[in-house]
PDB file of N, CA and C in Angstrom:
ATOM      1  N   UNK A   1      85.260  72.134  57.383  1.00  0.00           N
ATOM      2  CA  UNK A   1      84.560  71.285  58.373  1.00  0.00           C
ATOM      3  C   UNK A   1      84.314  69.992  57.651  1.00  0.00           C
ATOM      4  N   UNK A   2      84.525  68.959  58.497  1.00  0.00           N
ATOM      5  CA  UNK A   2      84.456  67.560  57.924  1.00  0.00           C
ATOM      6  C   UNK A   2      82.889  67.078  58.071  1.00  0.00           C
ATOM      7  N   UNK A   3      82.775  66.213  57.373  1.00  0.00           N
ATOM      8  CA  UNK A   3      81.529  65.616  57.180  1.00  0.00           C
ATOM      9  C   UNK A   3      80.571  65.168  58.346  1.00  0.00           C
ATOM     10  N   UNK A   4      81.473  64.549  59.260  1.00  0.00           N
ATOM     11  CA  UNK A   4      80.779  64.094  60.550  1.00  0.00           C
ATOM     12  C   UNK A   4      80.372  65.476  61.470  1.00  0.00           C
ATOM     13  N   UNK A   5      81.287  66.451  61.430  1.00  0.00           N
ATOM     14  CA  UNK A   5      80.733  67.638  62.069  1.00  0.00           C
ATOM     15  C   UNK A   5      79.528  68.247  61.395  1.00  0.00           C
ATOM     16  N   UNK A   6      79.586  68.157  60.183  1.00  0.00           N
ATOM     17  CA  UNK A   6      78.500  68.747  59.216  1.00  0.00           C
ATOM     18  C   UNK A   6      77.289  68.028  59.553  1.00  0.00           C
ATOM     19  N   UNK A   7      77.378  66.754  59.479  1.00  0.00           N
ATOM     20  CA  UNK A   7      76.063  66.019  59.924  1.00  0.00           C
ATOM     21  C   UNK A   7      75.734  66.299  61.180  1.00  0.00           C
ATOM     22  N   UNK A   8      76.451  66.466  62.154  1.00  0.00           N
ATOM     23  CA  UNK A   8      75.959  66.671  63.650  1.00  0.00           C
ATOM     24  C   UNK A   8      75.270  67.877  63.657  1.00  0.00           C
ATOM     25  N   UNK A   9      75.610  69.078  63.284  1.00  0.00           N
ATOM     26  CA  UNK A   9      75.197  70.289  63.101  1.00  0.00           C
ATOM     27  C   UNK A   9      73.828  70.110  62.390  1.00  0.00           C
ATOM     28  N   UNK A  10      73.747  69.408  61.357  1.00  0.00           N
ATOM     29  CA  UNK A  10      72.480  69.260  60.277  1.00  0.00           C
ATOM     30  C   UNK A  10      71.663  68.487  61.297  1.00  0.00           C
ATOM     31  N   UNK A  11      71.859  67.452  62.098  1.00  0.00           N
ATOM     32  CA  UNK A  11      70.980  66.577  62.809  1.00  0.00           C
ATOM     33  C   UNK A  11      70.616  67.450  63.929  1.00  0.00           C
ATOM     34  N   UNK A  12      71.348  68.299  64.557  1.00  0.00           N
ATOM     35  CA  UNK A  12      70.956  69.340  65.525  1.00  0.00           C
ATOM     36  C   UNK A  12      69.785  70.332  64.880  1.00  0.00           C
ATOM     37  N   UNK A  13      70.141  70.733  63.776  1.00  0.00           N
ATOM     38  CA  UNK A  13      68.947  71.672  63.017  1.00  0.00           C
ATOM     39  C   UNK A  13      67.762  70.813  63.053  1.00  0.00           C
ATOM     40  N   UNK A  14      67.806  69.419  62.434  1.00  0.00           N
ATOM     41  CA  UNK A  14      66.524  68.851  62.324  1.00  0.00           C
ATOM     42  C   UNK A  14      65.848  68.674  63.697  1.00  0.00           C
ATOM     43  N   UNK A  15      66.511  68.413  64.713  1.00  0.00           N
ATOM     44  CA  UNK A  15      65.980  68.381  66.154  1.00  0.00           C
ATOM     45  C   UNK A  15      65.237  69.645  66.545  1.00  0.00           C
ATOM     46  N   UNK A  16      65.925  70.702  66.119  1.00  0.00           N
ATOM     47  CA  UNK A  16      65.446  72.007  66.331  1.00  0.00           C
ATOM     48  C   UNK A  16      64.222  72.295  65.793  1.00  0.00           C
ATOM     49  N   UNK A  17      64.020  72.062  64.411  1.00  0.00           N
ATOM     50  CA  UNK A  17      62.993  71.957  63.581  1.00  0.00           C
ATOM     51  C   UNK A  17      61.700  71.280  64.028  1.00  0.00           C
ATOM     52  N   UNK A  18      61.909  70.047  64.584  1.00  0.00           N
ATOM     53  CA  UNK A  18      60.751  69.205  65.126  1.00  0.00           C
ATOM     54  C   UNK A  18      60.448  69.900  66.374  1.00  0.00           C
ATOM     55  N   UNK A  19      61.323  70.598  67.186  1.00  0.00           N
ATOM     56  CA  UNK A  19      60.911  70.991  68.402  1.00  0.00           C
ATOM     57  C   UNK A  19      60.112  72.336  68.536  1.00  0.00           C
ATOM     58  N   UNK A  20      60.288  72.796  67.400  1.00  0.00           N
ATOM     59  CA  UNK A  20      59.482  74.171  67.003  1.00  0.00           C
ATOM     60  C   UNK A  20      58.339  74.217  66.169  1.00  0.00           C
ATOM     61  N   UNK A  21      57.028  74.070  66.901  1.00  0.00           N
ATOM     62  CA  UNK A  21      55.860  73.735  65.856  1.00  0.00           C
ATOM     63  C   UNK A  21      55.746  74.763  64.864  1.00  0.00           C
ATOM     64  N   UNK A  22      55.783  76.039  64.991  1.00  0.00           N
ATOM     65  CA  UNK A  22      55.582  77.085  63.780  1.00  0.00           C
ATOM     66  C   UNK A  22      56.777  76.947  62.810  1.00  0.00           C
ATOM     67  N   UNK A  23      57.957  76.594  63.182  1.00  0.00           N
ATOM     68  CA  UNK A  23      59.141  76.485  62.327  1.00  0.00           C
ATOM     69  C   UNK A  23      58.830  75.109  61.308  1.00  0.00           C
ATOM     70  N   UNK A  24      58.457  74.032  62.227  1.00  0.00           N
ATOM     71  CA  UNK A  24      58.307  72.868  61.424  1.00  0.00           C
ATOM     72  C   UNK A  24      56.959  72.985  60.422  1.00  0.00           C
ATOM     73  N   UNK A  25      56.073  73.628  60.664  1.00  0.00           N
ATOM     74  CA  UNK A  25      54.873  73.884  59.910  1.00  0.00           C
ATOM     75  C   UNK A  25      55.504  74.598  58.541  1.00  0.00           C
ATOM     76  N   UNK A  26      56.305  75.391  58.734  1.00  0.00           N
ATOM     77  CA  UNK A  26      56.742  76.578  57.810  1.00  0.00           C
ATOM     78  C   UNK A  26      57.739  75.702  56.967  1.00  0.00           C
ATOM     79  N   UNK A  27      58.373  74.709  57.237  1.00  0.00           N
ATOM     80  CA  UNK A  27      59.339  73.903  56.707  1.00  0.00           C
ATOM     81  C   UNK A  27      58.598  72.975  55.659  1.00  0.00           C
ATOM     82  N   UNK A  28      57.721  72.245  56.463  1.00  0.00           N
ATOM     83  CA  UNK A  28      56.855  71.166  55.719  1.00  0.00           C
ATOM     84  C   UNK A  28      55.911  71.782  54.687  1.00  0.00           C
ATOM     85  N   UNK A  29      55.507  73.126  54.892  1.00  0.00           N
ATOM     86  CA  UNK A  29      54.812  73.937  53.942  1.00  0.00           C
ATOM     87  C   UNK A  29      55.626  74.336  52.578  1.00  0.00           C
ATOM     88  N   UNK A  30      56.868  74.695  52.899  1.00  0.00           N
ATOM     89  CA  UNK A  30      57.767  75.215  51.887  1.00  0.00           C
ATOM     90  C   UNK A  30      58.233  74.111  51.097  1.00  0.00           C
ATOM     91  N   UNK A  31      58.462  73.054  51.788  1.00  0.00           N
ATOM     92  CA  UNK A  31      59.275  71.739  51.106  1.00  0.00           C
ATOM     93  C   UNK A  31      58.457  70.917  50.792  1.00  0.00           C
ATOM     94  N   UNK A  32      57.200  70.852  51.125  1.00  0.00           N
ATOM     95  CA  UNK A  32      56.245  69.590  50.626  1.00  0.00           C
ATOM     96  C   UNK A  32      56.657  68.300  51.461  1.00  0.00           C
ATOM     97  N   UNK A  33      57.314  68.444  52.805  1.00  0.00           N
ATOM     98  CA  UNK A  33      57.871  67.321  53.359  1.00  0.00           C
ATOM     99  C   UNK A  33      56.853  66.868  54.134  1.00  0.00           C
ATOM    100  N   UNK A  34      56.697  65.525  54.436  1.00  0.00           N
ATOM    101  CA  UNK A  34      55.657  64.767  55.423  1.00  0.00           C
ATOM    102  C   UNK A  34      56.376  64.379  56.398  1.00  0.00           C
ATOM    103  N   UNK A  35      55.418  63.884  57.375  1.00  0.00           N
ATOM    104  CA  UNK A  35      56.113  63.475  58.718  1.00  0.00           C
ATOM    105  C   UNK A  35      57.050  62.196  58.496  1.00  0.00           C
ATOM    106  N   UNK A  36      56.588  61.284  57.472  1.00  0.00           N
ATOM    107  CA  UNK A  36      57.553  60.115  57.122  1.00  0.00           C
ATOM    108  C   UNK A  36      58.474  60.558  56.576  1.00  0.00           C
ATOM    109  N   UNK A  37      58.828  61.825  55.868  1.00  0.00           N
ATOM    110  CA  UNK A  37      59.943  62.235  55.372  1.00  0.00           C
ATOM    111  C   UNK A  37      60.951  62.804  56.437  1.00  0.00           C
ATOM    112  N   UNK A  38      60.401  63.388  57.387  1.00  0.00           N
ATOM    113  CA  UNK A  38      61.117  63.663  58.554  1.00  0.00           C
ATOM    114  C   UNK A  38      62.057  62.516  59.157  1.00  0.00           C
ATOM    115  N   UNK A  39      61.332  61.586  59.032  1.00  0.00           N
ATOM    116  CA  UNK A  39      61.754  60.070  59.945  1.00  0.00           C
ATOM    117  C   UNK A  39      63.087  59.884  59.064  1.00  0.00           C
ATOM    118  N   UNK A  40      62.930  59.708  57.777  1.00  0.00           N
ATOM    119  CA  UNK A  40      63.781  59.116  56.927  1.00  0.00           C
ATOM    120  C   UNK A  40      64.890  60.096  56.377  1.00  0.00           C
ATOM    121  N   UNK A  41      64.538  61.443  56.644  1.00  0.00           N
ATOM    122  CA  UNK A  41      65.483  62.509  56.108  1.00  0.00           C
ATOM    123  C   UNK A  41      66.839  62.454  57.041  1.00  0.00           C
ATOM    124  N   UNK A  42      66.561  62.051  58.173  1.00  0.00           N
ATOM    125  CA  UNK A  42      67.928  62.220  59.051  1.00  0.00           C
ATOM    126  C   UNK A  42      69.058  61.362  58.481  1.00  0.00           C
ATOM    127  N   UNK A  43      68.739  60.502  57.700  1.00  0.00           N
ATOM    128  CA  UNK A  43      69.886  59.607  56.956  1.00  0.00           C
ATOM    129  C   UNK A  43      70.185  60.235  55.591  1.00  0.00           C
ATOM    130  N   UNK A  44      69.594  61.185  55.203  1.00  0.00           N
ATOM    131  CA  UNK A  44      69.796  61.910  53.967  1.00  0.00           C
ATOM    132  C   UNK A  44      70.599  63.205  53.814  1.00  0.00           C
ATOM    133  N   UNK A  45      71.746  63.250  53.342  1.00  0.00           N
ATOM    134  CA  UNK A  45      72.668  64.406  53.459  1.00  0.00           C
ATOM    135  C   UNK A  45      71.816  65.473  52.586  1.00  0.00           C
ATOM    136  N   UNK A  46      71.205  65.198  51.519  1.00  0.00           N
ATOM    137  CA  UNK A  46      70.368  66.298  50.703  1.00  0.00           C
ATOM    138  C   UNK A  46      69.217  66.880  51.694  1.00  0.00           C
ATOM    139  N   UNK A  47      68.764  65.768  52.229  1.00  0.00           N
ATOM    140  CA  UNK A  47      67.470  66.399  53.024  1.00  0.00           C
ATOM    141  C   UNK A  47      68.011  67.227  54.200  1.00  0.00           C
ATOM    142  N   UNK A  48      69.195  66.792  54.882  1.00  0.00           N
ATOM    143  CA  UNK A  48      69.639  67.794  56.030  1.00  0.00           C
ATOM    144  C   UNK A  48      70.196  68.924  55.432  1.00  0.00           C
ATOM    145  N   UNK A  49      70.811  69.065  54.207  1.00  0.00           N
ATOM    146  CA  UNK A  49      71.048  70.371  53.647  1.00  0.00           C
ATOM    147  C   UNK A  49      69.996  71.138  53.533  1.00  0.00           C
ATOM    148  N   UNK A  50      68.761  70.648  53.007  1.00  0.00           N
ATOM    149  CA  UNK A  50      67.474  71.546  53.001  1.00  0.00           C
ATOM    150  C   UNK A  50      67.093  71.941  54.248  1.00  0.00           C
ATOM    151  N   UNK A  51      67.200  71.340  55.252  1.00  0.00           N
ATOM    152  CA  UNK A  51      67.054  71.704  56.577  1.00  0.00           C
ATOM    153  C   UNK A  51      67.799  72.841  57.000  1.00  0.00           C
ATOM    154  N   UNK A  52      69.100  72.773  56.773  1.00  0.00           N
ATOM    155  CA  UNK A  52      69.860  73.849  57.082  1.00  0.00           C
ATOM    156  C   UNK A  52      69.683  75.175  55.944  1.00  0.00           C
ATOM    157  N   UNK A  53      69.450  74.887  54.851  1.00  0.00           N
ATOM    158  CA  UNK A  53      69.238  75.900  53.820  1.00  0.00           C
ATOM    159  C   UNK A  53      68.109  76.726  54.400  1.00  0.00           C
ATOM    160  N   UNK A  54      66.857  75.901  54.939  1.00  0.00           N
ATOM    161  CA  UNK A  54      65.629  76.546  55.441  1.00  0.00           C
ATOM    162  C   UNK A  54      66.000  77.402  56.605  1.00  0.00           C
ATOM    163  N   UNK A  55      66.731  76.896  57.530  1.00  0.00           N
ATOM    164  CA  UNK A  55      67.075  77.915  58.649  1.00  0.00           C
ATOM    165  C   UNK A  55      67.881  79.002  58.315  1.00  0.00           C
ATOM    166  N   UNK A  56      68.910  78.998  57.357  1.00  0.00           N
ATOM    167  CA  UNK A  56      69.708  79.937  57.082  1.00  0.00           C
ATOM    168  C   UNK A  56      68.887  81.305  56.090  1.00  0.00           C
ATOM    169  N   UNK A  57      67.826  80.694  55.692  1.00  0.00           N
ATOM    170  CA  UNK A  57      66.778  81.824  54.839  1.00  0.00           C
ATOM    171  C   UNK A  57      66.381  82.871  55.778  1.00  0.00           C
ATOM    172  N   UNK A  58      66.334  82.766  57.069  1.00  0.00           N
ATOM    173  CA  UNK A  58      65.692  83.620  57.939  1.00  0.00           C
ATOM    174  C   UNK A  58      66.454  84.087  59.128  1.00  0.00           C
ATOM    175  N   UNK A  59      66.996  85.225  59.455  1.00  0.00           N
ATOM    176  CA  UNK A  59      68.019  85.402  60.417  1.00  0.00           C
ATOM    177  C   UNK A  59      67.336  84.914  61.934  1.00  0.00           C
ATOM    178  N   UNK A  60      66.146  85.412  62.176  1.00  0.00           N
ATOM    179  CA  UNK A  60      65.641  85.061  63.347  1.00  0.00           C
ATOM    180  C   UNK A  60      65.501  83.550  63.688  1.00  0.00           C
ATOM    181  N   UNK A  61      65.117  82.842  62.688  1.00  0.00           N
ATOM    182  CA  UNK A  61      65.123  81.373  62.761  1.00  0.00           C
ATOM    183  C   UNK A  61      66.584  80.842  62.901  1.00  0.00           C
ATOM    184  N   UNK A  62      67.354  81.340  62.222  1.00  0.00           N
ATOM    185  CA  UNK A  62      68.710  80.819  62.221  1.00  0.00           C
ATOM    186  C   UNK A  62      69.488  81.182  63.600  1.00  0.00           C
ATOM    187  N   UNK A  63      69.037  82.344  64.345  1.00  0.00           N
ATOM    188  CA  UNK A  63      69.701  82.694  65.552  1.00  0.00           C
ATOM    189  C   UNK A  63      69.148  81.973  66.566  1.00  0.00           C
ATOM    190  N   UNK A  64      67.686  81.510  66.521  1.00  0.00           N
ATOM    191  CA  UNK A  64      67.028  80.832  67.624  1.00  0.00           C
ATOM    192  C   UNK A  64      67.701  79.379  67.502  1.00  0.00           C
ATOM    193  N   UNK A  65      67.863  78.883  66.303  1.00  0.00           N
ATOM    194  CA  UNK A  65      68.650  77.533  66.139  1.00  0.00           C
ATOM    195  C   UNK A  65      70.010  77.603  66.607  1.00  0.00           C
ATOM    196  N   UNK A  66      70.804  78.578  66.493  1.00  0.00           N
ATOM    197  CA  UNK A  66      72.195  78.723  66.959  1.00  0.00           C
ATOM    198  C   UNK A  66      72.193  78.707  68.356  1.00  0.00           C
ATOM    199  N   UNK A  67      71.273  79.615  69.102  1.00  0.00           N
ATOM    200  CA  UNK A  67      71.327  79.606  70.471  1.00  0.00           C
ATOM    201  C   UNK A  67      70.886  78.354  71.154  1.00  0.00           C
ATOM    202  N   UNK A  68      70.033  77.645  70.479  1.00  0.00           N
ATOM    203  CA  UNK A  68      69.561  76.328  71.076  1.00  0.00           C
ATOM    204  C   UNK A  68      70.674  75.256  71.073  1.00  0.00           C
ATOM    205  N   UNK A  69      71.454  75.479  69.884  1.00  0.00           N
ATOM    206  CA  UNK A  69      72.333  74.307  69.495  1.00  0.00           C
ATOM    207  C   UNK A  69      73.823  74.534  69.779  1.00  0.00           C
ATOM    208  N   UNK A  70      73.956  75.713  70.487  1.00  0.00           N
ATOM    209  CA  UNK A  70      75.392  76.492  70.584  1.00  0.00           C
ATOM    210  C   UNK A  70      76.562  76.251  69.548  1.00  0.00           C
ATOM    211  N   UNK A  71      75.742  76.817  68.226  1.00  0.00           N
ATOM    212  CA  UNK A  71      76.607  76.714  67.170  1.00  0.00           C
ATOM    213  C   UNK A  71      76.651  78.298  66.665  1.00  0.00           C
ATOM    214  N   UNK A  72      77.323  78.610  65.821  1.00  0.00           N
ATOM    215  CA  UNK A  72      77.261  79.878  65.156  1.00  0.00           C
ATOM    216  C   UNK A  72      76.770  80.040  63.837  1.00  0.00           C
ATOM    217  N   UNK A  73      76.257  81.130  63.313  1.00  0.00           N
ATOM    218  CA  UNK A  73      75.876  81.082  62.024  1.00  0.00           C
ATOM    219  C   UNK A  73      76.819  80.607  60.992  1.00  0.00           C
ATOM    220  N   UNK A  74      78.085  81.027  61.239  1.00  0.00           N
ATOM    221  CA  UNK A  74      79.078  80.740  60.496  1.00  0.00           C
ATOM    222  C   UNK A  74      79.239  79.198  60.421  1.00  0.00           C
ATOM    223  N   UNK A  75      79.144  78.428  61.436  1.00  0.00           N
ATOM    224  CA  UNK A  75      79.371  77.005  61.419  1.00  0.00           C
ATOM    225  C   UNK A  75      78.067  76.380  60.883  1.00  0.00           C
ATOM    226  N   UNK A  76      76.951  76.977  60.687  1.00  0.00           N
ATOM    227  CA  UNK A  76      75.771  76.430  60.186  1.00  0.00           C
ATOM    228  C   UNK A  76      76.037  76.533  58.664  1.00  0.00           C
ATOM    229  N   UNK A  77      76.393  77.608  58.168  1.00  0.00           N
ATOM    230  CA  UNK A  77      76.753  77.739  56.783  1.00  0.00           C
ATOM    231  C   UNK A  77      77.813  76.747  56.165  1.00  0.00           C
ATOM    232  N   UNK A  78      78.962  76.532  57.241  1.00  0.00           N
ATOM    233  CA  UNK A  78      80.060  75.854  56.847  1.00  0.00           C
ATOM    234  C   UNK A  78      79.497  74.186  56.686  1.00  0.00           C
ATOM    235  N   UNK A  79      78.540  73.810  57.515  1.00  0.00           N
ATOM    236  CA  UNK A  79      78.148  72.560  57.842  1.00  0.00           C
ATOM    237  C   UNK A  79      77.336  72.329  56.217  1.00  0.00           C
ATOM    238  N   UNK A  80      76.580  73.345  56.034  1.00  0.00           N
ATOM    239  CA  UNK A  80      75.817  73.190  54.673  1.00  0.00           C
ATOM    240  C   UNK A  80      76.757  73.190  53.475  1.00  0.00           C
ATOM    241  N   UNK A  81      77.844  73.834  53.616  1.00  0.00           N
ATOM    242  CA  UNK A  81      78.874  73.814  52.403  1.00  0.00           C
ATOM    243  C   UNK A  81      79.403  72.208  52.543  1.00  0.00           C
ATOM    244  N   UNK A  82      79.740  71.838  53.557  1.00  0.00           N
ATOM    245  CA  UNK A  82      80.306  70.472  53.760  1.00  0.00           C
ATOM    246  C   UNK A  82      79.428  69.281  53.195  1.00  0.00           C
ATOM    247  N   UNK A  83      77.970  69.556  53.427  1.00  0.00           N
ATOM    248  CA  UNK A  83      77.050  68.604  52.916  1.00  0.00           C
ATOM    249  C   UNK A  83      76.987  68.659  51.332  1.00  0.00           C
ATOM    250  N   UNK A  84      77.562  69.714  50.781  1.00  0.00           N
ATOM    251  CA  UNK A  84      77.616  69.815  49.230  1.00  0.00           C
ATOM    252  C   UNK A  84      76.423  70.557  48.826  1.00  0.00           C
ATOM    253  N   UNK A  85      75.789  71.438  49.417  1.00  0.00           N
ATOM    254  CA  UNK A  85      74.649  72.090  48.974  1.00  0.00           C
ATOM    255  C   UNK A  85      74.681  73.631  49.535  1.00  0.00           C
ATOM    256  N   UNK A  86      75.801  74.234  49.240  1.00  0.00           N
ATOM    257  CA  UNK A  86      75.889  75.727  49.694  1.00  0.00           C
ATOM    258  C   UNK A  86      74.904  76.561  48.829  1.00  0.00           C
ATOM    259  N   UNK A  87      74.154  77.539  49.400  1.00  0.00           N
ATOM    260  CA  UNK A  87      73.459  78.356  48.691  1.00  0.00           C
ATOM    261  C   UNK A  87      74.231  79.192  47.664  1.00  0.00           C
ATOM    262  N   UNK A  88      73.702  79.572  46.529  1.00  0.00           N
ATOM    263  CA  UNK A  88      74.370  80.451  45.758  1.00  0.00           C
ATOM    264  C   UNK A  88      74.729  81.928  46.184  1.00  0.00           C
TER     265      UNK A  88
END
């Protein structure tokens, strides 16, 4: 997957995160992210990788995102790898 496609999926993930209040609260709590970080994070590949990592941590959350964004879990994982921050 190229960087542009990975970034598109990551931005979709960020939009999903912001649209789901409970998911957003969980992300902010776990990561220590502030509302300001969310605004600036859209331009930071590491931040976007963190969003993808968060979604990939829980199957239900991941599948909710995939259904909304019309992507597969495999595409989500590939996007994370393309951003250079694949989980171990």
